[in-house]
Amino acid sequence: MVLDVLGGIAALLVGMGVFIACLALAKTLVRVRATLDEVDRQLAGIGAPVTSTLSRVDELTKSLEQTAGTVSRTVDLTRSAVVPGIVNVGAAIAGVTAGLRRLVTGKDSKDRGVG
């Protein structure tokens, strides 16, 4: 009989411990819920500005891509315009040099090696 009473008391104490633990868990979950509700309210307030900022960043990125493409095309056009001019200047300098050589030495550039 004593063992039955002690067993009942032990079961009652275990039950009370579980009940107290459940109460503490319930209080914690209520605080977590309140915190999450506050986070939801704050995030709802910044949603529109963030969306606006992201759309501006997207527009800026597209603009930068277009600018980079334009710069690339400009570089290609500049190179195709300048390179022939440089080649022509080099050819003109070579012609002037050959003409001066012939004027000064009286020899062709082909005759230089013959003495």
PDB file of N, CA and C in Angstrom:
ATOM      1  N   MET A   1       0.804  -1.173   0.000  1.00  0.00           N
ATOM      2  CA  MET A   1       0.000   0.000   0.000  1.00  0.00           C
ATOM      3  C   MET A   1       0.865   1.262   0.000  1.00  0.00           C
ATOM      4  N   VAL A   2       1.943   1.242   0.747  1.00  0.00           N
ATOM      5  CA  VAL A   2       2.849   2.386   0.817  1.00  0.00           C
ATOM      6  C   VAL A   2       3.477   2.616  -0.553  1.00  0.00           C
ATOM      7  N   LEU A   3       3.830   1.535  -1.235  1.00  0.00           N
ATOM      8  CA  LEU A   3       4.430   1.656  -2.565  1.00  0.00           C
ATOM      9  C   LEU A   3       3.438   2.251  -3.548  1.00  0.00           C
ATOM     10  N   ASP A   4       2.183   1.891  -3.412  1.00  0.00           N
ATOM     11  CA  ASP A   4       1.164   2.456  -4.300  1.00  0.00           C
ATOM     12  C   ASP A   4       1.013   3.954  -4.066  1.00  0.00           C
ATOM     13  N   VAL A   5       1.065   4.359  -2.799  1.00  0.00           N
ATOM     14  CA  VAL A   5       0.942   5.785  -2.469  1.00  0.00           C
ATOM     15  C   VAL A   5       2.162   6.534  -2.990  1.00  0.00           C
ATOM     16  N   LEU A   6       3.345   5.972  -2.758  1.00  0.00           N
ATOM     17  CA  LEU A   6       4.577   6.607  -3.245  1.00  0.00           C
ATOM     18  C   LEU A   6       4.587   6.674  -4.773  1.00  0.00           C
ATOM     19  N   GLY A   7       4.108   5.648  -5.427  1.00  0.00           N
ATOM     20  CA  GLY A   7       4.022   5.652  -6.892  1.00  0.00           C
ATOM     21  C   GLY A   7       3.067   6.722  -7.378  1.00  0.00           C
ATOM     22  N   GLY A   8       1.941   6.866  -6.680  1.00  0.00           N
ATOM     23  CA  GLY A   8       0.963   7.898  -7.043  1.00  0.00           C
ATOM     24  C   GLY A   8       1.526   9.294  -6.846  1.00  0.00           C
ATOM     25  N   ILE A   9       2.229   9.477  -5.717  1.00  0.00           N
ATOM     26  CA  ILE A   9       2.840  10.786  -5.445  1.00  0.00           C
ATOM     27  C   ILE A   9       3.907  11.103  -6.492  1.00  0.00           C
ATOM     28  N   ALA A  10       4.718  10.105  -6.863  1.00  0.00           N
ATOM     29  CA  ALA A  10       5.748  10.304  -7.882  1.00  0.00           C
ATOM     30  C   ALA A  10       5.113  10.663  -9.213  1.00  0.00           C
ATOM     31  N   ALA A  11       4.039   9.989  -9.580  1.00  0.00           N
ATOM     32  CA  ALA A  11       3.352  10.287 -10.837  1.00  0.00           C
ATOM     33  C   ALA A  11       2.768  11.695 -10.792  1.00  0.00           C
ATOM     34  N   LEU A  12       2.227  12.076  -9.624  1.00  0.00           N
ATOM     35  CA  LEU A  12       1.678  13.415  -9.472  1.00  0.00           C
ATOM     36  C   LEU A  12       2.773  14.466  -9.609  1.00  0.00           C
ATOM     37  N   LEU A  13       3.945  14.229  -9.002  1.00  0.00           N
ATOM     38  CA  LEU A  13       5.063  15.173  -9.099  1.00  0.00           C
ATOM     39  C   LEU A  13       5.578  15.277 -10.528  1.00  0.00           C
ATOM     40  N   VAL A  14       5.660  14.145 -11.219  1.00  0.00           N
ATOM     41  CA  VAL A  14       6.092  14.161 -12.620  1.00  0.00           C
ATOM     42  C   VAL A  14       5.077  14.932 -13.457  1.00  0.00           C
ATOM     43  N   GLY A  15       3.830  14.695 -13.213  1.00  0.00           N
ATOM     44  CA  GLY A  15       2.783  15.421 -13.945  1.00  0.00           C
ATOM     45  C   GLY A  15       2.843  16.918 -13.695  1.00  0.00           C
ATOM     46  N   MET A  16       3.084  17.308 -12.428  1.00  0.00           N
ATOM     47  CA  MET A  16       3.204  18.727 -12.104  1.00  0.00           C
ATOM     48  C   MET A  16       4.439  19.337 -12.770  1.00  0.00           C
ATOM     49  N   GLY A  17       5.538  18.581 -12.842  1.00  0.00           N
ATOM     50  CA  GLY A  17       6.756  19.064 -13.514  1.00  0.00           C
ATOM     51  C   GLY A  17       6.511  19.286 -14.999  1.00  0.00           C
ATOM     52  N   VAL A  18       5.799  18.342 -15.604  1.00  0.00           N
ATOM     53  CA  VAL A  18       5.476  18.478 -17.029  1.00  0.00           C
ATOM     54  C   VAL A  18       4.554  19.678 -17.232  1.00  0.00           C
ATOM     55  N   PHE A  19       3.590  19.856 -16.326  1.00  0.00           N
ATOM     56  CA  PHE A  19       2.663  20.982 -16.415  1.00  0.00           C
ATOM     57  C   PHE A  19       3.409  22.318 -16.306  1.00  0.00           C
ATOM     58  N   ILE A  20       4.335  22.421 -15.371  1.00  0.00           N
ATOM     59  CA  ILE A  20       5.127  23.655 -15.195  1.00  0.00           C
ATOM     60  C   ILE A  20       6.005  23.896 -16.430  1.00  0.00           C
ATOM     61  N   ALA A  21       6.595  22.834 -16.962  1.00  0.00           N
ATOM     62  CA  ALA A  21       7.411  22.977 -18.167  1.00  0.00           C
ATOM     63  C   ALA A  21       6.563  23.448 -19.352  1.00  0.00           C
ATOM     64  N   CYS A  22       5.345  22.931 -19.463  1.00  0.00           N
ATOM     65  CA  CYS A  22       4.448  23.344 -20.545  1.00  0.00           C
ATOM     66  C   CYS A  22       4.031  24.798 -20.384  1.00  0.00           C
ATOM     67  N   LEU A  23       3.813  25.249 -19.137  1.00  0.00           N
ATOM     68  CA  LEU A  23       3.484  26.657 -18.901  1.00  0.00           C
ATOM     69  C   LEU A  23       4.640  27.568 -19.311  1.00  0.00           C
ATOM     70  N   ALA A  24       5.858  27.185 -18.959  1.00  0.00           N
ATOM     71  CA  ALA A  24       7.025  27.986 -19.336  1.00  0.00           C
ATOM     72  C   ALA A  24       7.178  28.024 -20.862  1.00  0.00           C
ATOM     73  N   LEU A  25       6.963  26.896 -21.515  1.00  0.00           N
ATOM     74  CA  LEU A  25       7.032  26.836 -22.973  1.00  0.00           C
ATOM     75  C   LEU A  25       5.950  27.708 -23.604  1.00  0.00           C
ATOM     76  N   ALA A  26       4.771  27.703 -23.030  1.00  0.00           N
ATOM     77  CA  ALA A  26       3.670  28.526 -23.549  1.00  0.00           C
ATOM     78  C   ALA A  26       4.013  30.008 -23.441  1.00  0.00           C
ATOM     79  N   LYS A  27       4.597  30.441 -22.309  1.00  0.00           N
ATOM     80  CA  LYS A  27       5.002  31.840 -22.155  1.00  0.00           C
ATOM     81  C   LYS A  27       6.070  32.213 -23.187  1.00  0.00           C
ATOM     82  N   THR A  28       7.006  31.322 -23.385  1.00  0.00           N
ATOM     83  CA  THR A  28       8.074  31.576 -24.370  1.00  0.00           C
ATOM     84  C   THR A  28       7.488  31.687 -25.777  1.00  0.00           C
ATOM     85  N   LEU A  29       6.567  30.795 -26.110  1.00  0.00           N
ATOM     86  CA  LEU A  29       5.970  30.827 -27.448  1.00  0.00           C
ATOM     87  C   LEU A  29       5.125  32.082 -27.655  1.00  0.00           C
ATOM     88  N   VAL A  30       4.486  32.583 -26.600  1.00  0.00           N
ATOM     89  CA  VAL A  30       3.723  33.829 -26.707  1.00  0.00           C
ATOM     90  C   VAL A  30       4.667  34.985 -27.012  1.00  0.00           C
ATOM     91  N   ARG A  31       5.817  35.030 -26.343  1.00  0.00           N
ATOM     92  CA  ARG A  31       6.797  36.094 -26.605  1.00  0.00           C
ATOM     93  C   ARG A  31       7.367  35.977 -28.016  1.00  0.00           C
ATOM     94  N   VAL A  32       7.636  34.758 -28.472  1.00  0.00           N
ATOM     95  CA  VAL A  32       8.140  34.558 -29.837  1.00  0.00           C
ATOM     96  C   VAL A  32       7.105  35.035 -30.852  1.00  0.00           C
ATOM     97  N   ARG A  33       5.843  34.725 -30.584  1.00  0.00           N
ATOM     98  CA  ARG A  33       4.775  35.146 -31.500  1.00  0.00           C
ATOM     99  C   ARG A  33       4.693  36.670 -31.561  1.00  0.00           C
ATOM    100  N   ALA A  34       4.791  37.334 -30.404  1.00  0.00           N
ATOM    101  CA  ALA A  34       4.747  38.795 -30.377  1.00  0.00           C
ATOM    102  C   ALA A  34       5.939  39.385 -31.134  1.00  0.00           C
ATOM    103  N   THR A  35       7.094  38.789 -30.965  1.00  0.00           N
ATOM    104  CA  THR A  35       8.288  39.262 -31.666  1.00  0.00           C
ATOM    105  C   THR A  35       8.135  39.091 -33.169  1.00  0.00           C
ATOM    106  N   LEU A  36       7.627  37.950 -33.586  1.00  0.00           N
ATOM    107  CA  LEU A  36       7.435  37.708 -35.017  1.00  0.00           C
ATOM    108  C   LEU A  36       6.384  38.640 -35.610  1.00  0.00           C
ATOM    109  N   ASP A  37       5.352  38.951 -34.843  1.00  0.00           N
ATOM    110  CA  ASP A  37       4.346  39.909 -35.310  1.00  0.00           C
ATOM    111  C   ASP A  37       4.978  41.283 -35.523  1.00  0.00           C
ATOM    112  N   GLU A  38       5.835  41.689 -34.600  1.00  0.00           N
ATOM    113  CA  GLU A  38       6.515  42.982 -34.729  1.00  0.00           C
ATOM    114  C   GLU A  38       7.449  42.990 -35.946  1.00  0.00           C
ATOM    115  N   VAL A  39       8.162  41.901 -36.151  1.00  0.00           N
ATOM    116  CA  VAL A  39       9.034  41.787 -37.324  1.00  0.00           C
ATOM    117  C   VAL A  39       8.213  41.873 -38.605  1.00  0.00           C
ATOM    118  N   ASP A  40       7.075  41.218 -38.637  1.00  0.00           N
ATOM    119  CA  ASP A  40       6.190  41.292 -39.808  1.00  0.00           C
ATOM    120  C   ASP A  40       5.747  42.727 -40.069  1.00  0.00           C
ATOM    121  N   ARG A  41       5.389  43.456 -39.018  1.00  0.00           N
ATOM    122  CA  ARG A  41       4.963  44.855 -39.192  1.00  0.00           C
ATOM    123  C   ARG A  41       6.108  45.703 -39.735  1.00  0.00           C
ATOM    124  N   GLN A  42       7.300  45.493 -39.212  1.00  0.00           N
ATOM    125  CA  GLN A  42       8.449  46.277 -39.671  1.00  0.00           C
ATOM    126  C   GLN A  42       8.805  45.950 -41.116  1.00  0.00           C
ATOM    127  N   LEU A  43       8.770  44.681 -41.464  1.00  0.00           N
ATOM    128  CA  LEU A  43       9.076  44.295 -42.841  1.00  0.00           C
ATOM    129  C   LEU A  43       8.031  44.810 -43.812  1.00  0.00           C
ATOM    130  N   ALA A  44       6.785  44.858 -43.388  1.00  0.00           N
ATOM    131  CA  ALA A  44       5.737  45.394 -44.263  1.00  0.00           C
ATOM    132  C   ALA A  44       5.990  46.866 -44.543  1.00  0.00           C
ATOM    133  N   GLY A  45       6.554  47.582 -43.588  1.00  0.00           N
ATOM    134  CA  GLY A  45       6.845  49.005 -43.769  1.00  0.00           C
ATOM    135  C   GLY A  45       7.999  49.273 -44.717  1.00  0.00           C
ATOM    136  N   ILE A  46       8.954  48.363 -44.810  1.00  0.00           N
ATOM    137  CA  ILE A  46      10.107  48.614 -45.679  1.00  0.00           C
ATOM    138  C   ILE A  46       9.984  47.929 -47.033  1.00  0.00           C
ATOM    139  N   GLY A  47       8.930  47.191 -47.240  1.00  0.00           N
ATOM    140  CA  GLY A  47       8.765  46.471 -48.505  1.00  0.00           C
ATOM    141  C   GLY A  47       8.731  47.392 -49.711  1.00  0.00           C
ATOM    142  N   ALA A  48       7.935  48.456 -49.640  1.00  0.00           N
ATOM    143  CA  ALA A  48       7.805  49.374 -50.780  1.00  0.00           C
ATOM    144  C   ALA A  48       9.108  50.117 -51.070  1.00  0.00           C
ATOM    145  N   PRO A  49       9.805  50.684 -50.074  1.00  0.00           N
ATOM    146  CA  PRO A  49      11.072  51.358 -50.381  1.00  0.00           C
ATOM    147  C   PRO A  49      12.131  50.405 -50.958  1.00  0.00           C
ATOM    148  N   VAL A  50      12.176  49.190 -50.435  1.00  0.00           N
ATOM    149  CA  VAL A  50      13.150  48.231 -50.954  1.00  0.00           C
ATOM    150  C   VAL A  50      12.834  47.881 -52.400  1.00  0.00           C
ATOM    151  N   THR A  51      11.570  47.675 -52.703  1.00  0.00           N
ATOM    152  CA  THR A  51      11.172  47.373 -54.074  1.00  0.00           C
ATOM    153  C   THR A  51      11.517  48.529 -54.998  1.00  0.00           C
ATOM    154  N   SER A  52      11.267  49.746 -54.559  1.00  0.00           N
ATOM    155  CA  SER A  52      11.595  50.927 -55.357  1.00  0.00           C
ATOM    156  C   SER A  52      13.095  51.031 -55.592  1.00  0.00           C
ATOM    157  N   THR A  53      13.882  50.800 -54.542  1.00  0.00           N
ATOM    158  CA  THR A  53      15.338  50.863 -54.669  1.00  0.00           C
ATOM    159  C   THR A  53      15.849  49.799 -55.618  1.00  0.00           C
ATOM    160  N   LEU A  54      15.324  48.596 -55.501  1.00  0.00           N
ATOM    161  CA  LEU A  54      15.764  47.509 -56.389  1.00  0.00           C
ATOM    162  C   LEU A  54      15.416  47.797 -57.844  1.00  0.00           C
ATOM    163  N   SER A  55      14.265  48.416 -58.089  1.00  0.00           N
ATOM    164  CA  SER A  55      13.913  48.745 -59.470  1.00  0.00           C
ATOM    165  C   SER A  55      14.840  49.829 -60.005  1.00  0.00           C
ATOM    166  N   ARG A  56      15.231  50.770 -59.158  1.00  0.00           N
ATOM    167  CA  ARG A  56      16.192  51.798 -59.589  1.00  0.00           C
ATOM    168  C   ARG A  56      17.549  51.185 -59.888  1.00  0.00           C
ATOM    169  N   VAL A  57      17.983  50.255 -59.053  1.00  0.00           N
ATOM    170  CA  VAL A  57      19.257  49.571 -59.296  1.00  0.00           C
ATOM    171  C   VAL A  57      19.194  48.799 -60.607  1.00  0.00           C
ATOM    172  N   ASP A  58      18.061  48.174 -60.887  1.00  0.00           N
ATOM    173  CA  ASP A  58      17.891  47.445 -62.142  1.00  0.00           C
ATOM    174  C   ASP A  58      17.993  48.395 -63.335  1.00  0.00           C
ATOM    175  N   GLU A  59      17.332  49.549 -63.244  1.00  0.00           N
ATOM    176  CA  GLU A  59      17.404  50.534 -64.324  1.00  0.00           C
ATOM    177  C   GLU A  59      18.829  51.039 -64.502  1.00  0.00           C
ATOM    178  N   LEU A  60      19.531  51.273 -63.400  1.00  0.00           N
ATOM    179  CA  LEU A  60      20.915  51.739 -63.470  1.00  0.00           C
ATOM    180  C   LEU A  60      21.804  50.688 -64.115  1.00  0.00           C
ATOM    181  N   THR A  61      21.592  49.439 -63.779  1.00  0.00           N
ATOM    182  CA  THR A  61      22.378  48.358 -64.371  1.00  0.00           C
ATOM    183  C   THR A  61      22.155  48.289 -65.875  1.00  0.00           C
ATOM    184  N   LYS A  62      20.915  48.413 -66.298  1.00  0.00           N
ATOM    185  CA  LYS A  62      20.625  48.400 -67.736  1.00  0.00           C
ATOM    186  C   LYS A  62      21.290  49.579 -68.433  1.00  0.00           C
ATOM    187  N   SER A  63      21.247  50.739 -67.795  1.00  0.00           N
ATOM    188  CA  SER A  63      21.875  51.930 -68.367  1.00  0.00           C
ATOM    189  C   SER A  63      23.381  51.740 -68.492  1.00  0.00           C
ATOM    190  N   LEU A  64      23.992  51.159 -67.460  1.00  0.00           N
ATOM    191  CA  LEU A  64      25.437  50.912 -67.508  1.00  0.00           C
ATOM    192  C   LEU A  64      25.794  49.910 -68.599  1.00  0.00           C
ATOM    193  N   GLU A  65      24.949  48.901 -68.797  1.00  0.00           N
ATOM    194  CA  GLU A  65      25.194  47.936 -69.870  1.00  0.00           C
ATOM    195  C   GLU A  65      25.132  48.623 -71.226  1.00  0.00           C
ATOM    196  N   GLN A  66      24.155  49.493 -71.419  1.00  0.00           N
ATOM    197  CA  GLN A  66      24.038  50.218 -72.678  1.00  0.00           C
ATOM    198  C   GLN A  66      25.240  51.137 -72.887  1.00  0.00           C
ATOM    199  N   THR A  67      25.674  51.803 -71.822  1.00  0.00           N
ATOM    200  CA  THR A  67      26.826  52.692 -71.919  1.00  0.00           C
ATOM    201  C   THR A  67      28.084  51.911 -72.267  1.00  0.00           C
ATOM    202  N   ALA A  68      28.262  50.760 -71.644  1.00  0.00           N
ATOM    203  CA  ALA A  68      29.440  49.933 -71.944  1.00  0.00           C
ATOM    204  C   ALA A  68      29.416  49.484 -73.401  1.00  0.00           C
ATOM    205  N   GLY A  69      28.246  49.133 -73.913  1.00  0.00           N
ATOM    206  CA  GLY A  69      28.138  48.744 -75.315  1.00  0.00           C
ATOM    207  C   GLY A  69      28.458  49.901 -76.235  1.00  0.00           C
ATOM    208  N   THR A  70      27.984  51.095 -75.894  1.00  0.00           N
ATOM    209  CA  THR A  70      28.275  52.278 -76.702  1.00  0.00           C
ATOM    210  C   THR A  70      29.760  52.602 -76.688  1.00  0.00           C
ATOM    211  N   VAL A  71      30.386  52.531 -75.526  1.00  0.00           N
ATOM    212  CA  VAL A  71      31.825  52.787 -75.424  1.00  0.00           C
ATOM    213  C   VAL A  71      32.600  51.770 -76.251  1.00  0.00           C
ATOM    214  N   SER A  72      32.187  50.518 -76.192  1.00  0.00           N
ATOM    215  CA  SER A  72      32.872  49.479 -76.966  1.00  0.00           C
ATOM    216  C   SER A  72      32.771  49.760 -78.459  1.00  0.00           C
ATOM    217  N   ARG A  73      31.584  50.134 -78.915  1.00  0.00           N
ATOM    218  CA  ARG A  73      31.414  50.459 -80.342  1.00  0.00           C
ATOM    219  C   ARG A  73      32.233  51.692 -80.716  1.00  0.00           C
ATOM    220  N   THR A  74      32.289  52.686 -79.817  1.00  0.00           N
ATOM    221  CA  THR A  74      33.079  53.891 -80.084  1.00  0.00           C
ATOM    222  C   THR A  74      34.551  53.562 -80.197  1.00  0.00           C
ATOM    223  N   VAL A  75      35.036  52.693 -79.339  1.00  0.00           N
ATOM    224  CA  VAL A  75      36.447  52.278 -79.409  1.00  0.00           C
ATOM    225  C   VAL A  75      36.718  51.565 -80.728  1.00  0.00           C
ATOM    226  N   ASP A  76      35.817  50.689 -81.143  1.00  0.00           N
ATOM    227  CA  ASP A  76      36.001  49.986 -82.418  1.00  0.00           C
ATOM    228  C   ASP A  76      36.022  50.971 -83.582  1.00  0.00           C
ATOM    229  N   LEU A  77      35.102  51.927 -83.576  1.00  0.00           N
ATOM    230  CA  LEU A  77      35.065  52.920 -84.656  1.00  0.00           C
ATOM    231  C   LEU A  77      36.312  53.795 -84.652  1.00  0.00           C
ATOM    232  N   THR A  78      36.744  54.196 -83.471  1.00  0.00           N
ATOM    233  CA  THR A  78      37.951  55.018 -83.372  1.00  0.00           C
ATOM    234  C   THR A  78      39.164  54.262 -83.877  1.00  0.00           C
ATOM    235  N   ARG A  79      39.274  53.001 -83.491  1.00  0.00           N
ATOM    236  CA  ARG A  79      40.401  52.194 -83.952  1.00  0.00           C
ATOM    237  C   ARG A  79      40.363  52.045 -85.469  1.00  0.00           C
ATOM    238  N   SER A  80      39.180  51.780 -86.020  1.00  0.00           N
ATOM    239  CA  SER A  80      39.109  51.606 -87.471  1.00  0.00           C
ATOM    240  C   SER A  80      39.364  52.920 -88.203  1.00  0.00           C
ATOM    241  N   ALA A  81      39.154  54.062 -87.551  1.00  0.00           N
ATOM    242  CA  ALA A  81      39.425  55.353 -88.179  1.00  0.00           C
ATOM    243  C   ALA A  81      40.882  55.764 -88.022  1.00  0.00           C
ATOM    244  N   VAL A  82      41.506  55.432 -86.900  1.00  0.00           N
ATOM    245  CA  VAL A  82      42.861  55.896 -86.611  1.00  0.00           C
ATOM    246  C   VAL A  82      43.929  54.997 -87.233  1.00  0.00           C
ATOM    247  N   VAL A  83      43.733  53.713 -87.229  1.00  0.00           N
ATOM    248  CA  VAL A  83      44.764  52.783 -87.706  1.00  0.00           C
ATOM    249  C   VAL A  83      45.129  53.052 -89.172  1.00  0.00           C
ATOM    250  N   PRO A  84      44.184  53.212 -90.090  1.00  0.00           N
ATOM    251  CA  PRO A  84      44.582  53.515 -91.470  1.00  0.00           C
ATOM    252  C   PRO A  84      45.364  54.830 -91.577  1.00  0.00           C
ATOM    253  N   GLY A  85      45.008  55.817 -90.759  1.00  0.00           N
ATOM    254  CA  GLY A  85      45.744  57.078 -90.768  1.00  0.00           C
ATOM    255  C   GLY A  85      47.183  56.885 -90.328  1.00  0.00           C
ATOM    256  N   ILE A  86      47.374  56.080 -89.292  1.00  0.00           N
ATOM    257  CA  ILE A  86      48.738  55.813 -88.818  1.00  0.00           C
ATOM    258  C   ILE A  86      49.529  55.061 -89.884  1.00  0.00           C
ATOM    259  N   VAL A  87      48.892  54.116 -90.539  1.00  0.00           N
ATOM    260  CA  VAL A  87      49.569  53.378 -91.619  1.00  0.00           C
ATOM    261  C   VAL A  87      49.948  54.338 -92.746  1.00  0.00           C
ATOM    262  N   ASN A  88      49.029  55.257 -93.087  1.00  0.00           N
ATOM    263  CA  ASN A  88      49.321  56.227 -94.147  1.00  0.00           C
ATOM    264  C   ASN A  88      50.456  57.153 -93.756  1.00  0.00           C
ATOM    265  N   VAL A  89      50.491  57.593 -92.499  1.00  0.00           N
ATOM    266  CA  VAL A  89      51.590  58.451 -92.030  1.00  0.00           C
ATOM    267  C   VAL A  89      52.905  57.684 -92.112  1.00  0.00           C
ATOM    268  N   GLY A  90      52.890  56.417 -91.693  1.00  0.00           N
ATOM    269  CA  GLY A  90      54.110  55.605 -91.785  1.00  0.00           C
ATOM    270  C   GLY A  90      54.576  55.446 -93.219  1.00  0.00           C
ATOM    271  N   ALA A  91      53.636  55.220 -94.122  1.00  0.00           N
ATOM    272  CA  ALA A  91      53.996  55.075 -95.538  1.00  0.00           C
ATOM    273  C   ALA A  91      54.545  56.391 -96.082  1.00  0.00           C
ATOM    274  N   ALA A  92      53.944  57.515 -95.686  1.00  0.00           N
ATOM    275  CA  ALA A  92      54.427  58.817 -96.147  1.00  0.00           C
ATOM    276  C   ALA A  92      55.830  59.078 -95.629  1.00  0.00           C
ATOM    277  N   ILE A  93      56.081  58.759 -94.369  1.00  0.00           N
ATOM    278  CA  ILE A  93      57.428  58.945 -93.807  1.00  0.00           C
ATOM    279  C   ILE A  93      58.434  58.065 -94.544  1.00  0.00           C
ATOM    280  N   ALA A  94      58.056  56.837 -94.839  1.00  0.00           N
ATOM    281  CA  ALA A  94      58.960  55.954 -95.580  1.00  0.00           C
ATOM    282  C   ALA A  94      59.242  56.518 -96.964  1.00  0.00           C
ATOM    283  N   GLY A  95      58.217  57.067 -97.617  1.00  0.00           N
ATOM    284  CA  GLY A  95      58.417  57.663 -98.939  1.00  0.00           C
ATOM    285  C   GLY A  95      59.317  58.883 -98.890  1.00  0.00           C
ATOM    286  N   VAL A  96      59.097  59.754 -97.895  1.00  0.00           N
ATOM    287  CA  VAL A  96      59.937  60.945 -97.748  1.00  0.00           C
ATOM    288  C   VAL A  96      61.381  60.532 -97.465  1.00  0.00           C
ATOM    289  N   THR A  97      61.557  59.537 -96.603  1.00  0.00           N
ATOM    290  CA  THR A  97      62.902  59.055 -96.279  1.00  0.00           C
ATOM    291  C   THR A  97      63.594  58.528 -97.530  1.00  0.00           C
ATOM    292  N   ALA A  98      62.895  57.742 -98.321  1.00  0.00           N
ATOM    293  CA  ALA A  98      63.486  57.204 -99.549  1.00  0.00           C
ATOM    294  C   ALA A  98      63.823  58.331-100.524  1.00  0.00           C
ATOM    295  N   GLY A  99      62.920  59.321-100.613  1.00  0.00           N
ATOM    296  CA  GLY A  99      63.190  60.445-101.509  1.00  0.00           C
ATOM    297  C   GLY A  99      64.391  61.256-101.058  1.00  0.00           C
ATOM    298  N   LEU A 100      64.496  61.517 -99.746  1.00  0.00           N
ATOM    299  CA  LEU A 100      65.651  62.250 -99.232  1.00  0.00           C
ATOM    300  C   LEU A 100      66.944  61.463 -99.427  1.00  0.00           C
ATOM    301  N   ARG A 101      66.883  60.177 -99.216  1.00  0.00           N
ATOM    302  CA  ARG A 101      68.061  59.340 -99.396  1.00  0.00           C
ATOM    303  C   ARG A 101      68.538  59.424-100.850  1.00  0.00           C
ATOM    304  N   ARG A 102      67.596  59.350-101.775  1.00  0.00           N
ATOM    305  CA  ARG A 102      67.960  59.396-103.194  1.00  0.00           C
ATOM    306  C   ARG A 102      68.494  60.771-103.550  1.00  0.00           C
ATOM    307  N   LEU A 103      67.897  61.805-102.975  1.00  0.00           N
ATOM    308  CA  LEU A 103      68.351  63.160-103.252  1.00  0.00           C
ATOM    309  C   LEU A 103      69.758  63.391-102.714  1.00  0.00           C
ATOM    310  N   VAL A 104      70.014  62.901-101.511  1.00  0.00           N
ATOM    311  CA  VAL A 104      71.318  63.130-100.879  1.00  0.00           C
ATOM    312  C   VAL A 104      72.379  62.210-101.462  1.00  0.00           C
ATOM    313  N   THR A 105      72.106  60.947-101.612  1.00  0.00           N
ATOM    314  CA  THR A 105      73.132  59.998-102.046  1.00  0.00           C
ATOM    315  C   THR A 105      73.106  59.772-103.543  1.00  0.00           C
ATOM    316  N   GLY A 106      72.016  60.053-104.149  1.00  0.00           N
ATOM    317  CA  GLY A 106      71.907  59.797-105.574  1.00  0.00           C
ATOM    318  C   GLY A 106      71.660  58.337-105.883  1.00  0.00           C
ATOM    319  N   LYS A 107      71.366  57.555-104.881  1.00  0.00           N
ATOM    320  CA  LYS A 107      71.143  56.121-105.066  1.00  0.00           C
ATOM    321  C   LYS A 107      69.728  55.763-104.664  1.00  0.00           C
ATOM    322  N   ASP A 108      69.224  54.708-105.283  1.00  0.00           N
ATOM    323  CA  ASP A 108      67.954  54.132-104.901  1.00  0.00           C
ATOM    324  C   ASP A 108      68.140  53.337-103.616  1.00  0.00           C
ATOM    325  N   SER A 109      67.048  53.054-102.929  1.00  0.00           N
ATOM    326  CA  SER A 109      67.135  52.214-101.729  1.00  0.00           C
ATOM    327  C   SER A 109      67.588  50.809-102.115  1.00  0.00           C
ATOM    328  N   LYS A 110      67.348  50.393-103.398  1.00  0.00           N
ATOM    329  CA  LYS A 110      67.778  49.078-103.866  1.00  0.00           C
ATOM    330  C   LYS A 110      69.265  49.062-104.124  1.00  0.00           C
ATOM    331  N   ASP A 111      69.833  50.210-104.425  1.00  0.00           N
ATOM    332  CA  ASP A 111      71.249  50.288-104.764  1.00  0.00           C
ATOM    333  C   ASP A 111      72.128  50.498-103.532  1.00  0.00           C
ATOM    334  N   ARG A 112      71.587  50.612-102.376  1.00  0.00           N
ATOM    335  CA  ARG A 112      72.364  50.882-101.164  1.00  0.00           C
ATOM    336  C   ARG A 112      73.414  49.819-100.904  1.00  0.00           C
ATOM    337  N   GLY A 113      73.096  48.604-101.118  1.00  0.00           N
ATOM    338  CA  GLY A 113      74.017  47.520-100.788  1.00  0.00           C
ATOM    339  C   GLY A 113      75.167  47.434-101.774  1.00  0.00           C
ATOM    340  N   VAL A 114      75.044  47.984-102.955  1.00  0.00           N
ATOM    341  CA  VAL A 114      76.097  47.896-103.975  1.00  0.00           C
ATOM    342  C   VAL A 114      76.998  49.101-103.803  1.00  0.00           C
ATOM    343  N   GLY A 115      78.339  48.878-103.764  1.00  0.00           N
ATOM    344  CA  GLY A 115      79.218  49.944-103.412  1.00  0.00           C
ATOM    345  C   GLY A 115      79.923  50.594-104.448  1.00  0.00           C
TER     346      GLY A 115
END
